């Protein structure tokens, strides 16, 4: 009798599990993109703050080059703001894609700056993490990834 109850209970559990609604592939992709966008946005904001701090304590302090490099970090942060806002408003990869293209383009510029300058090792590690997140974003939107570090 116990084996019969167990078999019925197991059968019931399997039936319930199979009838529960599952997220569609589109919904799963949307959730993945939302996570990637949020991660990139957070990393870009952290990097902007730390990059500015590194510049303020570098040989670039007070120079036009510092202002130019600050603009790169600002551009990435603003580009990611636009990606986040577009994604949160539309939840549509096609409508968000051009904002992602802008963010990837800015990231390539920062990657070039990071490859051509010696900042503190922590900032280079942080940029590597940002670049990795941006490459996840590029992958999610089926765009070319950012190159690797040359340092």
C-alpha atoms as a PDB file:
ATOM      1  CA  UNK A   1       0.000   0.000   0.000  1.00  0.00           C
ATOM      2  CA  UNK A   2       2.811   2.449   0.804  1.00  0.00           C
ATOM      3  CA  UNK A   3       4.488   1.793  -2.557  1.00  0.00           C
ATOM      4  CA  UNK A   4       1.208   2.534  -4.319  1.00  0.00           C
ATOM      5  CA  UNK A   5       0.803   5.824  -2.438  1.00  0.00           C
ATOM      6  CA  UNK A   6       4.381   6.763  -3.264  1.00  0.00           C
ATOM      7  CA  UNK A   7       3.820   5.986  -6.958  1.00  0.00           C
ATOM      8  CA  UNK A   8       0.608   8.043  -7.010  1.00  0.00           C
ATOM      9  CA  UNK A   9       2.271  10.926  -5.170  1.00  0.00           C
ATOM     10  CA  UNK A  10       5.241  10.865  -7.561  1.00  0.00           C
ATOM     11  CA  UNK A  11       2.917  10.751 -10.546  1.00  0.00           C
ATOM     12  CA  UNK A  12       0.989  13.720  -9.170  1.00  0.00           C
ATOM     13  CA  UNK A  13       4.202  15.712  -8.633  1.00  0.00           C
ATOM     14  CA  UNK A  14       5.369  15.018 -12.169  1.00  0.00           C
ATOM     15  CA  UNK A  15       1.987  16.053 -13.574  1.00  0.00           C
ATOM     16  CA  UNK A  16       1.998  19.294 -11.571  1.00  0.00           C
ATOM     17  CA  UNK A  17       5.596  20.058 -12.593  1.00  0.00           C
ATOM     18  CA  UNK A  18       4.770  19.522 -16.257  1.00  0.00           C
ATOM     19  CA  UNK A  19       1.689  21.738 -16.146  1.00  0.00           C
ATOM     20  CA  UNK A  20       3.302  24.688 -14.356  1.00  0.00           C
ATOM     21  CA  UNK A  21       3.897  27.617 -16.663  1.00  0.00           C
ATOM     22  CA  UNK A  22       7.489  27.933 -17.828  1.00  0.00           C
ATOM     23  CA  UNK A  23       9.086  31.071 -19.136  1.00  0.00           C
ATOM     24  CA  UNK A  24       9.268  31.220 -22.922  1.00  0.00           C
ATOM     25  CA  UNK A  25      12.606  31.435 -24.691  1.00  0.00           C
ATOM     26  CA  UNK A  26      11.911  35.088 -25.455  1.00  0.00           C
ATOM     27  CA  UNK A  27      11.161  35.761 -21.798  1.00  0.00           C
ATOM     28  CA  UNK A  28      14.344  33.954 -20.735  1.00  0.00           C
ATOM     29  CA  UNK A  29      16.376  35.982 -23.253  1.00  0.00           C
ATOM     30  CA  UNK A  30      14.748  39.180 -22.003  1.00  0.00           C
ATOM     31  CA  UNK A  31      15.617  38.331 -18.412  1.00  0.00           C
ATOM     32  CA  UNK A  32      19.206  37.541 -19.429  1.00  0.00           C
ATOM     33  CA  UNK A  33      19.504  40.838 -21.291  1.00  0.00           C
ATOM     34  CA  UNK A  34      18.053  42.742 -18.325  1.00  0.00           C
ATOM     35  CA  UNK A  35      20.694  41.177 -16.051  1.00  0.00           C
ATOM     36  CA  UNK A  36      23.515  41.964 -18.468  1.00  0.00           C
ATOM     37  CA  UNK A  37      22.335  45.563 -18.911  1.00  0.00           C
ATOM     38  CA  UNK A  38      22.105  46.081 -15.141  1.00  0.00           C
ATOM     39  CA  UNK A  39      25.556  44.550 -14.587  1.00  0.00           C
ATOM     40  CA  UNK A  40      27.144  46.680 -17.323  1.00  0.00           C
ATOM     41  CA  UNK A  41      25.492  49.838 -16.049  1.00  0.00           C
ATOM     42  CA  UNK A  42      26.700  49.234 -12.495  1.00  0.00           C
ATOM     43  CA  UNK A  43      30.256  48.383 -13.606  1.00  0.00           C
ATOM     44  CA  UNK A  44      30.417  51.418 -15.913  1.00  0.00           C
ATOM     45  CA  UNK A  45      29.372  53.731 -13.076  1.00  0.00           C
ATOM     46  CA  UNK A  46      31.979  52.248 -10.724  1.00  0.00           C
ATOM     47  CA  UNK A  47      34.642  52.504 -13.397  1.00  0.00           C
ATOM     48  CA  UNK A  48      33.765  56.144 -14.133  1.00  0.00           C
ATOM     49  CA  UNK A  49      34.212  57.055 -10.474  1.00  0.00           C
ATOM     50  CA  UNK A  50      37.468  55.112 -10.080  1.00  0.00           C
ATOM     51  CA  UNK A  51      38.851  56.311 -13.420  1.00  0.00           C
ATOM     52  CA  UNK A  52      38.264  59.939 -12.436  1.00  0.00           C
ATOM     53  CA  UNK A  53      39.972  59.299  -9.102  1.00  0.00           C
ATOM     54  CA  UNK A  54      42.965  57.681 -10.822  1.00  0.00           C
ATOM     55  CA  UNK A  55      43.273  60.612 -13.236  1.00  0.00           C
ATOM     56  CA  UNK A  56      43.093  63.128 -10.395  1.00  0.00           C
ATOM     57  CA  UNK A  57      46.049  61.366  -8.772  1.00  0.00           C
ATOM     58  CA  UNK A  58      48.088  60.874 -11.930  1.00  0.00           C
ATOM     59  CA  UNK A  59      50.471  62.867 -14.071  1.00  0.00           C
ATOM     60  CA  UNK A  60      47.439  63.993 -16.086  1.00  0.00           C
ATOM     61  CA  UNK A  61      46.060  66.035 -13.189  1.00  0.00           C
ATOM     62  CA  UNK A  62      45.007  69.492 -14.341  1.00  0.00           C
ATOM     63  CA  UNK A  63      45.835  68.873 -18.000  1.00  0.00           C
ATOM     64  CA  UNK A  64      43.704  68.974 -21.116  1.00  0.00           C
ATOM     65  CA  UNK A  65      44.412  65.255 -21.466  1.00  0.00           C
ATOM     66  CA  UNK A  66      42.733  64.651 -18.090  1.00  0.00           C
ATOM     67  CA  UNK A  67      39.644  66.492 -19.315  1.00  0.00           C
ATOM     68  CA  UNK A  68      39.668  64.444 -22.527  1.00  0.00           C
ATOM     69  CA  UNK A  69      40.003  61.154 -20.628  1.00  0.00           C
ATOM     70  CA  UNK A  70      37.261  62.220 -18.196  1.00  0.00           C
ATOM     71  CA  UNK A  71      34.982  62.713 -21.200  1.00  0.00           C
ATOM     72  CA  UNK A  72      35.598  59.101 -22.248  1.00  0.00           C
ATOM     73  CA  UNK A  73      34.488  57.805 -18.851  1.00  0.00           C
ATOM     74  CA  UNK A  74      31.485  60.157 -18.858  1.00  0.00           C
ATOM     75  CA  UNK A  75      30.537  59.013 -22.358  1.00  0.00           C
ATOM     76  CA  UNK A  76      30.520  55.360 -21.269  1.00  0.00           C
ATOM     77  CA  UNK A  77      28.402  56.097 -18.230  1.00  0.00           C
ATOM     78  CA  UNK A  78      25.933  58.158 -20.305  1.00  0.00           C
ATOM     79  CA  UNK A  79      25.812  55.529 -23.051  1.00  0.00           C
ATOM     80  CA  UNK A  80      24.996  52.846 -20.480  1.00  0.00           C
ATOM     81  CA  UNK A  81      22.318  55.108 -18.974  1.00  0.00           C
ATOM     82  CA  UNK A  82      20.706  55.298 -22.423  1.00  0.00           C
ATOM     83  CA  UNK A  83      20.956  51.501 -22.852  1.00  0.00           C
ATOM     84  CA  UNK A  84      19.355  50.912 -19.450  1.00  0.00           C
ATOM     85  CA  UNK A  85      16.595  53.448 -20.048  1.00  0.00           C
ATOM     86  CA  UNK A  86      15.828  52.100 -23.538  1.00  0.00           C
ATOM     87  CA  UNK A  87      15.764  48.500 -22.347  1.00  0.00           C
ATOM     88  CA  UNK A  88      13.599  49.290 -19.315  1.00  0.00           C
ATOM     89  CA  UNK A  89      11.190  51.309 -21.463  1.00  0.00           C
ATOM     90  CA  UNK A  90      10.947  48.992 -24.485  1.00  0.00           C
ATOM     91  CA  UNK A  91      12.141  45.510 -23.449  1.00  0.00           C
ATOM     92  CA  UNK A  92      12.942  45.185 -27.135  1.00  0.00           C
ATOM     93  CA  UNK A  93      16.433  44.207 -28.303  1.00  0.00           C
ATOM     94  CA  UNK A  94      15.887  45.743 -31.738  1.00  0.00           C
ATOM     95  CA  UNK A  95      14.944  49.132 -30.343  1.00  0.00           C
ATOM     96  CA  UNK A  96      17.753  49.089 -27.795  1.00  0.00           C
ATOM     97  CA  UNK A  97      20.456  47.817 -30.121  1.00  0.00           C
ATOM     98  CA  UNK A  98      21.654  51.191 -31.445  1.00  0.00           C
ATOM     99  CA  UNK A  99      22.192  52.420 -27.875  1.00  0.00           C
ATOM    100  CA  UNK A 100      24.231  49.281 -27.210  1.00  0.00           C
ATOM    101  CA  UNK A 101      26.255  49.964 -30.366  1.00  0.00           C
ATOM    102  CA  UNK A 102      27.072  53.430 -28.980  1.00  0.00           C
ATOM    103  CA  UNK A 103      28.138  51.972 -25.631  1.00  0.00           C
ATOM    104  CA  UNK A 104      30.332  49.358 -27.329  1.00  0.00           C
ATOM    105  CA  UNK A 105      31.918  52.058 -29.489  1.00  0.00           C
ATOM    106  CA  UNK A 106      32.739  54.182 -26.443  1.00  0.00           C
ATOM    107  CA  UNK A 107      34.079  51.073 -24.705  1.00  0.00           C
ATOM    108  CA  UNK A 108      36.463  50.474 -27.598  1.00  0.00           C
ATOM    109  CA  UNK A 109      37.822  53.995 -27.133  1.00  0.00           C
ATOM    110  CA  UNK A 110      38.318  53.447 -23.410  1.00  0.00           C
ATOM    111  CA  UNK A 111      39.924  50.096 -24.137  1.00  0.00           C
ATOM    112  CA  UNK A 112      42.404  51.895 -26.406  1.00  0.00           C
ATOM    113  CA  UNK A 113      43.096  54.459 -23.665  1.00  0.00           C
ATOM    114  CA  UNK A 114      43.590  51.740 -21.065  1.00  0.00           C
ATOM    115  CA  UNK A 115      45.901  49.796 -23.397  1.00  0.00           C
ATOM    116  CA  UNK A 116      48.018  52.873 -24.119  1.00  0.00           C
ATOM    117  CA  UNK A 117      48.360  54.178 -20.566  1.00  0.00           C
ATOM    118  CA  UNK A 118      49.752  52.821 -17.343  1.00  0.00           C
ATOM    119  CA  UNK A 119      47.324  53.376 -14.526  1.00  0.00           C
ATOM    120  CA  UNK A 120      47.311  51.583 -11.208  1.00  0.00           C
ATOM    121  CA  UNK A 121      46.871  47.805 -11.523  1.00  0.00           C
ATOM    122  CA  UNK A 122      43.516  47.903  -9.734  1.00  0.00           C
ATOM    123  CA  UNK A 123      42.079  50.248 -12.371  1.00  0.00           C
ATOM    124  CA  UNK A 124      43.303  47.918 -15.131  1.00  0.00           C
ATOM    125  CA  UNK A 125      41.667  44.959 -13.354  1.00  0.00           C
ATOM    126  CA  UNK A 126      38.473  46.940 -12.998  1.00  0.00           C
ATOM    127  CA  UNK A 127      38.532  47.856 -16.694  1.00  0.00           C
ATOM    128  CA  UNK A 128      39.002  44.165 -17.546  1.00  0.00           C
ATOM    129  CA  UNK A 129      35.822  43.410 -15.592  1.00  0.00           C
ATOM    130  CA  UNK A 130      33.943  46.232 -17.363  1.00  0.00           C
ATOM    131  CA  UNK A 131      35.216  45.046 -20.748  1.00  0.00           C
ATOM    132  CA  UNK A 132      34.070  41.505 -19.952  1.00  0.00           C
ATOM    133  CA  UNK A 133      30.588  42.762 -19.022  1.00  0.00           C
ATOM    134  CA  UNK A 134      30.462  44.896 -22.164  1.00  0.00           C
ATOM    135  CA  UNK A 135      31.401  41.831 -24.223  1.00  0.00           C
ATOM    136  CA  UNK A 136      28.490  39.960 -22.613  1.00  0.00           C
ATOM    137  CA  UNK A 137      26.282  42.876 -23.654  1.00  0.00           C
ATOM    138  CA  UNK A 138      27.665  42.777 -27.200  1.00  0.00           C
ATOM    139  CA  UNK A 139      27.018  39.043 -27.323  1.00  0.00           C
ATOM    140  CA  UNK A 140      23.447  39.456 -26.051  1.00  0.00           C
ATOM    141  CA  UNK A 141      22.759  41.982 -28.821  1.00  0.00           C
ATOM    142  CA  UNK A 142      24.717  40.029 -31.436  1.00  0.00           C
ATOM    143  CA  UNK A 143      27.342  42.747 -31.907  1.00  0.00           C
ATOM    144  CA  UNK A 144      31.128  42.463 -32.301  1.00  0.00           C
ATOM    145  CA  UNK A 145      32.952  42.319 -28.995  1.00  0.00           C
ATOM    146  CA  UNK A 146      35.578  44.701 -27.699  1.00  0.00           C
ATOM    147  CA  UNK A 147      39.191  43.680 -28.197  1.00  0.00           C
ATOM    148  CA  UNK A 148      41.295  42.332 -25.379  1.00  0.00           C
ATOM    149  CA  UNK A 149      43.908  44.213 -23.423  1.00  0.00           C
ATOM    150  CA  UNK A 150      47.344  44.705 -24.894  1.00  0.00           C
ATOM    151  CA  UNK A 151      48.962  45.761 -21.624  1.00  0.00           C
END
